[in-house]
């Protein structure tokens, strides 16, 4: 494992509005769960890795829940397709805070996400961030957990935002929700 580089303040500012490519299996590859963040933060934009900011709980929750056999560093994101996993974002634009995104950007991201799901056909789409999900898909009463709606053949699960700023969801609680999703994905795949 090679650790993610630590960007400077100048690197972070230069990362504004960058786009980080999705992490997906090759066309036709197995995709058990497609994780969608809200959008990349400046730290992710500077490093080119999803959920890269120190303190973000995505990678530890992924491991603790049993999706991966070890804790991956964000720089190892390209290993995810080997686990049947992928990463995208509702909005591709890198910002310092998610609240810099407009509602229209989130709705447009929702439309793009539906098309991505139709193309790659994951068993589950897991959106990390209930407030962004509510806006993107016009579902104001959505709660964390499995959803009644599906996107084509993909079931939908809303996860808590793993950002370190989300103090109401400590790591153990986030990992437990990721575990529920993994167990559902495992049961689906037999």
C-alpha atoms as a PDB file:
ATOM      1  CA  UNK A   1       0.000   0.000   0.000  1.00  0.00           C
ATOM      2  CA  UNK A   2       1.328   3.424  -0.892  1.00  0.00           C
ATOM      3  CA  UNK A   3      -0.117   6.273   1.179  1.00  0.00           C
ATOM      4  CA  UNK A   4      -1.978   9.105  -0.483  1.00  0.00           C
ATOM      5  CA  UNK A   5       0.227  12.193  -0.895  1.00  0.00           C
ATOM      6  CA  UNK A   6      -0.466  15.170   1.376  1.00  0.00           C
ATOM      7  CA  UNK A   7      -1.379  18.123  -0.833  1.00  0.00           C
ATOM      8  CA  UNK A   8      -0.275  21.647   0.020  1.00  0.00           C
ATOM      9  CA  UNK A   9      -2.680  24.551   0.492  1.00  0.00           C
ATOM     10  CA  UNK A  10      -1.840  25.678  -3.067  1.00  0.00           C
ATOM     11  CA  UNK A  11      -2.579  22.157  -4.371  1.00  0.00           C
ATOM     12  CA  UNK A  12      -5.971  22.244  -2.661  1.00  0.00           C
ATOM     13  CA  UNK A  13      -6.914  25.603  -4.136  1.00  0.00           C
ATOM     14  CA  UNK A  14      -5.758  24.506  -7.599  1.00  0.00           C
ATOM     15  CA  UNK A  15      -7.998  21.421  -7.313  1.00  0.00           C
ATOM     16  CA  UNK A  16     -11.222  23.468  -7.344  1.00  0.00           C
ATOM     17  CA  UNK A  17     -13.579  22.320 -10.141  1.00  0.00           C
ATOM     18  CA  UNK A  18     -11.418  19.317 -11.106  1.00  0.00           C
ATOM     19  CA  UNK A  19     -13.074  16.056 -12.059  1.00  0.00           C
ATOM     20  CA  UNK A  20     -11.996  12.683 -10.690  1.00  0.00           C
ATOM     21  CA  UNK A  21     -12.696   9.756 -13.016  1.00  0.00           C
ATOM     22  CA  UNK A  22     -15.143   7.095 -11.901  1.00  0.00           C
ATOM     23  CA  UNK A  23     -13.743   3.783 -10.678  1.00  0.00           C
ATOM     24  CA  UNK A  24     -15.625   1.106 -12.617  1.00  0.00           C
ATOM     25  CA  UNK A  25     -15.043  -2.407 -13.888  1.00  0.00           C
ATOM     26  CA  UNK A  26     -14.569  -2.834 -17.614  1.00  0.00           C
ATOM     27  CA  UNK A  27     -17.809  -2.995 -19.590  1.00  0.00           C
ATOM     28  CA  UNK A  28     -19.478  -6.312 -18.855  1.00  0.00           C
ATOM     29  CA  UNK A  29     -17.549  -6.746 -15.600  1.00  0.00           C
ATOM     30  CA  UNK A  30     -19.328  -7.695 -12.390  1.00  0.00           C
ATOM     31  CA  UNK A  31     -20.432  -4.728 -10.302  1.00  0.00           C
ATOM     32  CA  UNK A  32     -22.020  -5.761  -7.011  1.00  0.00           C
ATOM     33  CA  UNK A  33     -22.177  -2.260  -5.529  1.00  0.00           C
ATOM     34  CA  UNK A  34     -21.655   1.124  -7.136  1.00  0.00           C
ATOM     35  CA  UNK A  35     -20.940   3.667  -4.401  1.00  0.00           C
ATOM     36  CA  UNK A  36     -21.805   7.272  -5.164  1.00  0.00           C
ATOM     37  CA  UNK A  37     -20.466  10.136  -3.120  1.00  0.00           C
ATOM     38  CA  UNK A  38     -21.946  13.603  -3.256  1.00  0.00           C
ATOM     39  CA  UNK A  39     -18.963  15.216  -5.001  1.00  0.00           C
ATOM     40  CA  UNK A  40     -15.194  15.219  -4.588  1.00  0.00           C
ATOM     41  CA  UNK A  41     -13.688  17.553  -2.025  1.00  0.00           C
ATOM     42  CA  UNK A  42     -10.579  19.595  -2.687  1.00  0.00           C
ATOM     43  CA  UNK A  43      -8.353  16.964  -1.062  1.00  0.00           C
ATOM     44  CA  UNK A  44      -9.723  14.329  -3.434  1.00  0.00           C
ATOM     45  CA  UNK A  45      -9.334  16.721  -6.359  1.00  0.00           C
ATOM     46  CA  UNK A  46      -5.699  17.351  -5.439  1.00  0.00           C
ATOM     47  CA  UNK A  47      -4.858  13.657  -5.067  1.00  0.00           C
ATOM     48  CA  UNK A  48      -7.129  12.249  -7.780  1.00  0.00           C
ATOM     49  CA  UNK A  49      -8.547   9.707  -5.312  1.00  0.00           C
ATOM     50  CA  UNK A  50     -12.108   9.356  -4.061  1.00  0.00           C
ATOM     51  CA  UNK A  51     -12.808   9.874  -0.328  1.00  0.00           C
ATOM     52  CA  UNK A  52      -9.150  10.841   0.150  1.00  0.00           C
ATOM     53  CA  UNK A  53      -9.341  13.426   2.935  1.00  0.00           C
ATOM     54  CA  UNK A  54      -7.868  12.183   6.221  1.00  0.00           C
ATOM     55  CA  UNK A  55     -10.767  11.686   8.589  1.00  0.00           C
ATOM     56  CA  UNK A  56     -13.142  10.476   5.894  1.00  0.00           C
ATOM     57  CA  UNK A  57     -14.560   7.156   7.067  1.00  0.00           C
ATOM     58  CA  UNK A  58     -15.385   5.583   3.686  1.00  0.00           C
ATOM     59  CA  UNK A  59     -12.294   3.350   3.427  1.00  0.00           C
ATOM     60  CA  UNK A  60     -12.346   2.190   7.078  1.00  0.00           C
ATOM     61  CA  UNK A  61     -16.108   1.483   6.862  1.00  0.00           C
ATOM     62  CA  UNK A  62     -15.605  -0.448   3.620  1.00  0.00           C
ATOM     63  CA  UNK A  63     -13.047  -2.665   5.346  1.00  0.00           C
ATOM     64  CA  UNK A  64     -14.832  -3.045   8.705  1.00  0.00           C
ATOM     65  CA  UNK A  65     -18.023  -4.042   6.922  1.00  0.00           C
ATOM     66  CA  UNK A  66     -16.269  -6.884   5.098  1.00  0.00           C
ATOM     67  CA  UNK A  67     -16.356  -5.444   1.575  1.00  0.00           C
ATOM     68  CA  UNK A  68     -12.539  -5.594   1.453  1.00  0.00           C
ATOM     69  CA  UNK A  69     -10.140  -8.014   3.134  1.00  0.00           C
ATOM     70  CA  UNK A  70      -7.882  -5.188   4.333  1.00  0.00           C
ATOM     71  CA  UNK A  71      -7.986  -1.435   4.780  1.00  0.00           C
ATOM     72  CA  UNK A  72      -7.289   0.126   1.408  1.00  0.00           C
ATOM     73  CA  UNK A  73      -5.653   3.505   1.023  1.00  0.00           C
ATOM     74  CA  UNK A  74      -7.500   5.901  -1.308  1.00  0.00           C
ATOM     75  CA  UNK A  75      -4.527   5.566  -3.691  1.00  0.00           C
ATOM     76  CA  UNK A  76      -5.554   1.907  -4.124  1.00  0.00           C
ATOM     77  CA  UNK A  77      -9.031   2.751  -5.401  1.00  0.00           C
ATOM     78  CA  UNK A  78      -8.318   0.958  -8.678  1.00  0.00           C
ATOM     79  CA  UNK A  79      -8.417  -2.355  -6.760  1.00  0.00           C
ATOM     80  CA  UNK A  80     -12.142  -1.940  -6.088  1.00  0.00           C
ATOM     81  CA  UNK A  81     -13.391  -3.520  -9.341  1.00  0.00           C
ATOM     82  CA  UNK A  82     -11.632  -6.716  -8.230  1.00  0.00           C
ATOM     83  CA  UNK A  83     -14.039  -6.760  -5.273  1.00  0.00           C
ATOM     84  CA  UNK A  84     -17.018  -6.093  -7.554  1.00  0.00           C
ATOM     85  CA  UNK A  85     -17.179  -2.471  -6.366  1.00  0.00           C
ATOM     86  CA  UNK A  86     -17.081   0.933  -8.040  1.00  0.00           C
ATOM     87  CA  UNK A  87     -17.159   4.622  -7.121  1.00  0.00           C
ATOM     88  CA  UNK A  88     -18.752   7.640  -8.760  1.00  0.00           C
ATOM     89  CA  UNK A  89     -20.252  10.930  -7.552  1.00  0.00           C
ATOM     90  CA  UNK A  90     -23.570  12.693  -7.990  1.00  0.00           C
ATOM     91  CA  UNK A  91     -21.723  15.844  -9.023  1.00  0.00           C
ATOM     92  CA  UNK A  92     -18.275  15.596 -10.549  1.00  0.00           C
ATOM     93  CA  UNK A  93     -17.190  19.158  -9.737  1.00  0.00           C
ATOM     94  CA  UNK A  94     -14.646  19.411  -6.938  1.00  0.00           C
ATOM     95  CA  UNK A  95     -15.588  21.888  -4.205  1.00  0.00           C
ATOM     96  CA  UNK A  96     -14.426  22.764  -0.703  1.00  0.00           C
ATOM     97  CA  UNK A  97     -17.887  21.889   0.680  1.00  0.00           C
ATOM     98  CA  UNK A  98     -20.866  20.000  -0.716  1.00  0.00           C
ATOM     99  CA  UNK A  99     -23.131  22.965   0.032  1.00  0.00           C
ATOM    100  CA  UNK A 100     -21.375  24.815  -2.814  1.00  0.00           C
ATOM    101  CA  UNK A 101     -23.313  22.616  -5.239  1.00  0.00           C
ATOM    102  CA  UNK A 102     -26.625  23.821  -6.612  1.00  0.00           C
ATOM    103  CA  UNK A 103     -29.814  21.782  -6.452  1.00  0.00           C
ATOM    104  CA  UNK A 104     -29.772  21.676 -10.252  1.00  0.00           C
ATOM    105  CA  UNK A 105     -26.247  20.197 -10.239  1.00  0.00           C
ATOM    106  CA  UNK A 106     -27.479  17.446  -7.922  1.00  0.00           C
ATOM    107  CA  UNK A 107     -30.581  16.773 -10.059  1.00  0.00           C
ATOM    108  CA  UNK A 108     -28.416  16.635 -13.193  1.00  0.00           C
ATOM    109  CA  UNK A 109     -26.080  14.285 -11.334  1.00  0.00           C
ATOM    110  CA  UNK A 110     -29.072  12.102 -10.477  1.00  0.00           C
ATOM    111  CA  UNK A 111     -29.961  11.826 -14.172  1.00  0.00           C
ATOM    112  CA  UNK A 112     -26.350  10.983 -15.051  1.00  0.00           C
ATOM    113  CA  UNK A 113     -26.216   8.432 -12.233  1.00  0.00           C
ATOM    114  CA  UNK A 114     -29.345   6.668 -13.533  1.00  0.00           C
ATOM    115  CA  UNK A 115     -27.716   6.400 -16.984  1.00  0.00           C
ATOM    116  CA  UNK A 116     -24.487   5.059 -15.452  1.00  0.00           C
ATOM    117  CA  UNK A 117     -26.464   2.433 -13.524  1.00  0.00           C
ATOM    118  CA  UNK A 118     -28.297   1.395 -16.709  1.00  0.00           C
ATOM    119  CA  UNK A 119     -24.966   0.970 -18.490  1.00  0.00           C
ATOM    120  CA  UNK A 120     -23.039  -0.904 -15.757  1.00  0.00           C
ATOM    121  CA  UNK A 121     -25.977  -2.714 -14.108  1.00  0.00           C
ATOM    122  CA  UNK A 122     -24.759  -2.951 -10.494  1.00  0.00           C
ATOM    123  CA  UNK A 123     -26.763  -5.118  -8.115  1.00  0.00           C
ATOM    124  CA  UNK A 124     -26.875  -2.124  -5.737  1.00  0.00           C
ATOM    125  CA  UNK A 125     -26.438   1.608  -6.081  1.00  0.00           C
ATOM    126  CA  UNK A 126     -25.313   2.981  -2.706  1.00  0.00           C
ATOM    127  CA  UNK A 127     -25.531   6.759  -2.358  1.00  0.00           C
ATOM    128  CA  UNK A 128     -23.462   8.141   0.539  1.00  0.00           C
ATOM    129  CA  UNK A 129     -25.370  11.209   1.674  1.00  0.00           C
ATOM    130  CA  UNK A 130     -29.090  11.267   2.410  1.00  0.00           C
ATOM    131  CA  UNK A 131     -29.577  15.021   1.950  1.00  0.00           C
ATOM    132  CA  UNK A 132     -27.962  15.000  -1.495  1.00  0.00           C
ATOM    133  CA  UNK A 133     -30.016  11.930  -2.441  1.00  0.00           C
ATOM    134  CA  UNK A 134     -33.219  13.699  -1.403  1.00  0.00           C
ATOM    135  CA  UNK A 135     -32.377  16.655  -3.641  1.00  0.00           C
ATOM    136  CA  UNK A 136     -31.035  14.678  -6.611  1.00  0.00           C
ATOM    137  CA  UNK A 137     -34.034  12.372  -6.838  1.00  0.00           C
ATOM    138  CA  UNK A 138     -36.844  14.504  -5.399  1.00  0.00           C
ATOM    139  CA  UNK A 139     -37.363  12.189  -2.414  1.00  0.00           C
ATOM    140  CA  UNK A 140     -37.631  14.567   0.598  1.00  0.00           C
ATOM    141  CA  UNK A 141     -38.555  11.851   3.116  1.00  0.00           C
ATOM    142  CA  UNK A 142     -35.753   9.409   2.303  1.00  0.00           C
ATOM    143  CA  UNK A 143     -34.013   7.802   5.272  1.00  0.00           C
ATOM    144  CA  UNK A 144     -30.757   5.868   5.557  1.00  0.00           C
ATOM    145  CA  UNK A 145     -31.038   2.247   4.440  1.00  0.00           C
ATOM    146  CA  UNK A 146     -32.572   0.248   1.588  1.00  0.00           C
ATOM    147  CA  UNK A 147     -35.059   2.106  -0.594  1.00  0.00           C
ATOM    148  CA  UNK A 148     -38.267   0.865  -2.181  1.00  0.00           C
ATOM    149  CA  UNK A 149     -37.306   2.242  -5.588  1.00  0.00           C
ATOM    150  CA  UNK A 150     -34.910   0.638  -8.012  1.00  0.00           C
ATOM    151  CA  UNK A 151     -32.953   2.083 -10.917  1.00  0.00           C
ATOM    152  CA  UNK A 152     -33.535  -0.502 -13.594  1.00  0.00           C
ATOM    153  CA  UNK A 153     -32.334  -3.777 -12.100  1.00  0.00           C
ATOM    154  CA  UNK A 154     -30.243  -2.036  -9.402  1.00  0.00           C
ATOM    155  CA  UNK A 155     -31.578  -1.840  -5.883  1.00  0.00           C
ATOM    156  CA  UNK A 156     -30.933   1.458  -4.107  1.00  0.00           C
ATOM    157  CA  UNK A 157     -29.407   1.886  -0.644  1.00  0.00           C
ATOM    158  CA  UNK A 158     -28.762   5.263   0.982  1.00  0.00           C
ATOM    159  CA  UNK A 159     -25.744   5.366   3.276  1.00  0.00           C
ATOM    160  CA  UNK A 160     -24.694   8.024   5.762  1.00  0.00           C
ATOM    161  CA  UNK A 161     -22.175  10.532   4.482  1.00  0.00           C
ATOM    162  CA  UNK A 162     -18.754   9.178   5.616  1.00  0.00           C
ATOM    163  CA  UNK A 163     -17.238  12.648   5.901  1.00  0.00           C
ATOM    164  CA  UNK A 164     -15.516  13.322   9.190  1.00  0.00           C
ATOM    165  CA  UNK A 165     -17.826  16.346   9.488  1.00  0.00           C
ATOM    166  CA  UNK A 166     -20.830  14.039   9.917  1.00  0.00           C
ATOM    167  CA  UNK A 167     -20.523  13.774  13.705  1.00  0.00           C
ATOM    168  CA  UNK A 168     -23.932  12.153  14.213  1.00  0.00           C
ATOM    169  CA  UNK A 169     -22.609   8.993  12.516  1.00  0.00           C
ATOM    170  CA  UNK A 170     -19.453   7.643  14.214  1.00  0.00           C
ATOM    171  CA  UNK A 171     -17.330   5.120  12.317  1.00  0.00           C
ATOM    172  CA  UNK A 172     -18.791   2.048  14.059  1.00  0.00           C
ATOM    173  CA  UNK A 173     -22.312   3.117  13.130  1.00  0.00           C
ATOM    174  CA  UNK A 174     -21.325   3.886   9.515  1.00  0.00           C
ATOM    175  CA  UNK A 175     -19.538   0.522   9.232  1.00  0.00           C
ATOM    176  CA  UNK A 176     -22.644  -1.244  10.578  1.00  0.00           C
ATOM    177  CA  UNK A 177     -24.753   0.329   7.805  1.00  0.00           C
ATOM    178  CA  UNK A 178     -22.136  -0.636   5.210  1.00  0.00           C
ATOM    179  CA  UNK A 179     -22.248  -4.181   6.659  1.00  0.00           C
ATOM    180  CA  UNK A 180     -26.039  -4.326   6.224  1.00  0.00           C
ATOM    181  CA  UNK A 181     -25.538  -3.372   2.578  1.00  0.00           C
ATOM    182  CA  UNK A 182     -22.764  -5.949   2.098  1.00  0.00           C
ATOM    183  CA  UNK A 183     -24.911  -8.702   3.618  1.00  0.00           C
ATOM    184  CA  UNK A 184     -27.793  -7.765   1.298  1.00  0.00           C
ATOM    185  CA  UNK A 185     -25.453  -7.748  -1.717  1.00  0.00           C
ATOM    186  CA  UNK A 186     -23.999 -11.117  -0.665  1.00  0.00           C
ATOM    187  CA  UNK A 187     -27.490 -12.615  -0.268  1.00  0.00           C
ATOM    188  CA  UNK A 188     -28.454 -11.330  -3.709  1.00  0.00           C
ATOM    189  CA  UNK A 189     -25.416 -12.864  -5.380  1.00  0.00           C
ATOM    190  CA  UNK A 190     -26.021 -16.185  -3.619  1.00  0.00           C
END
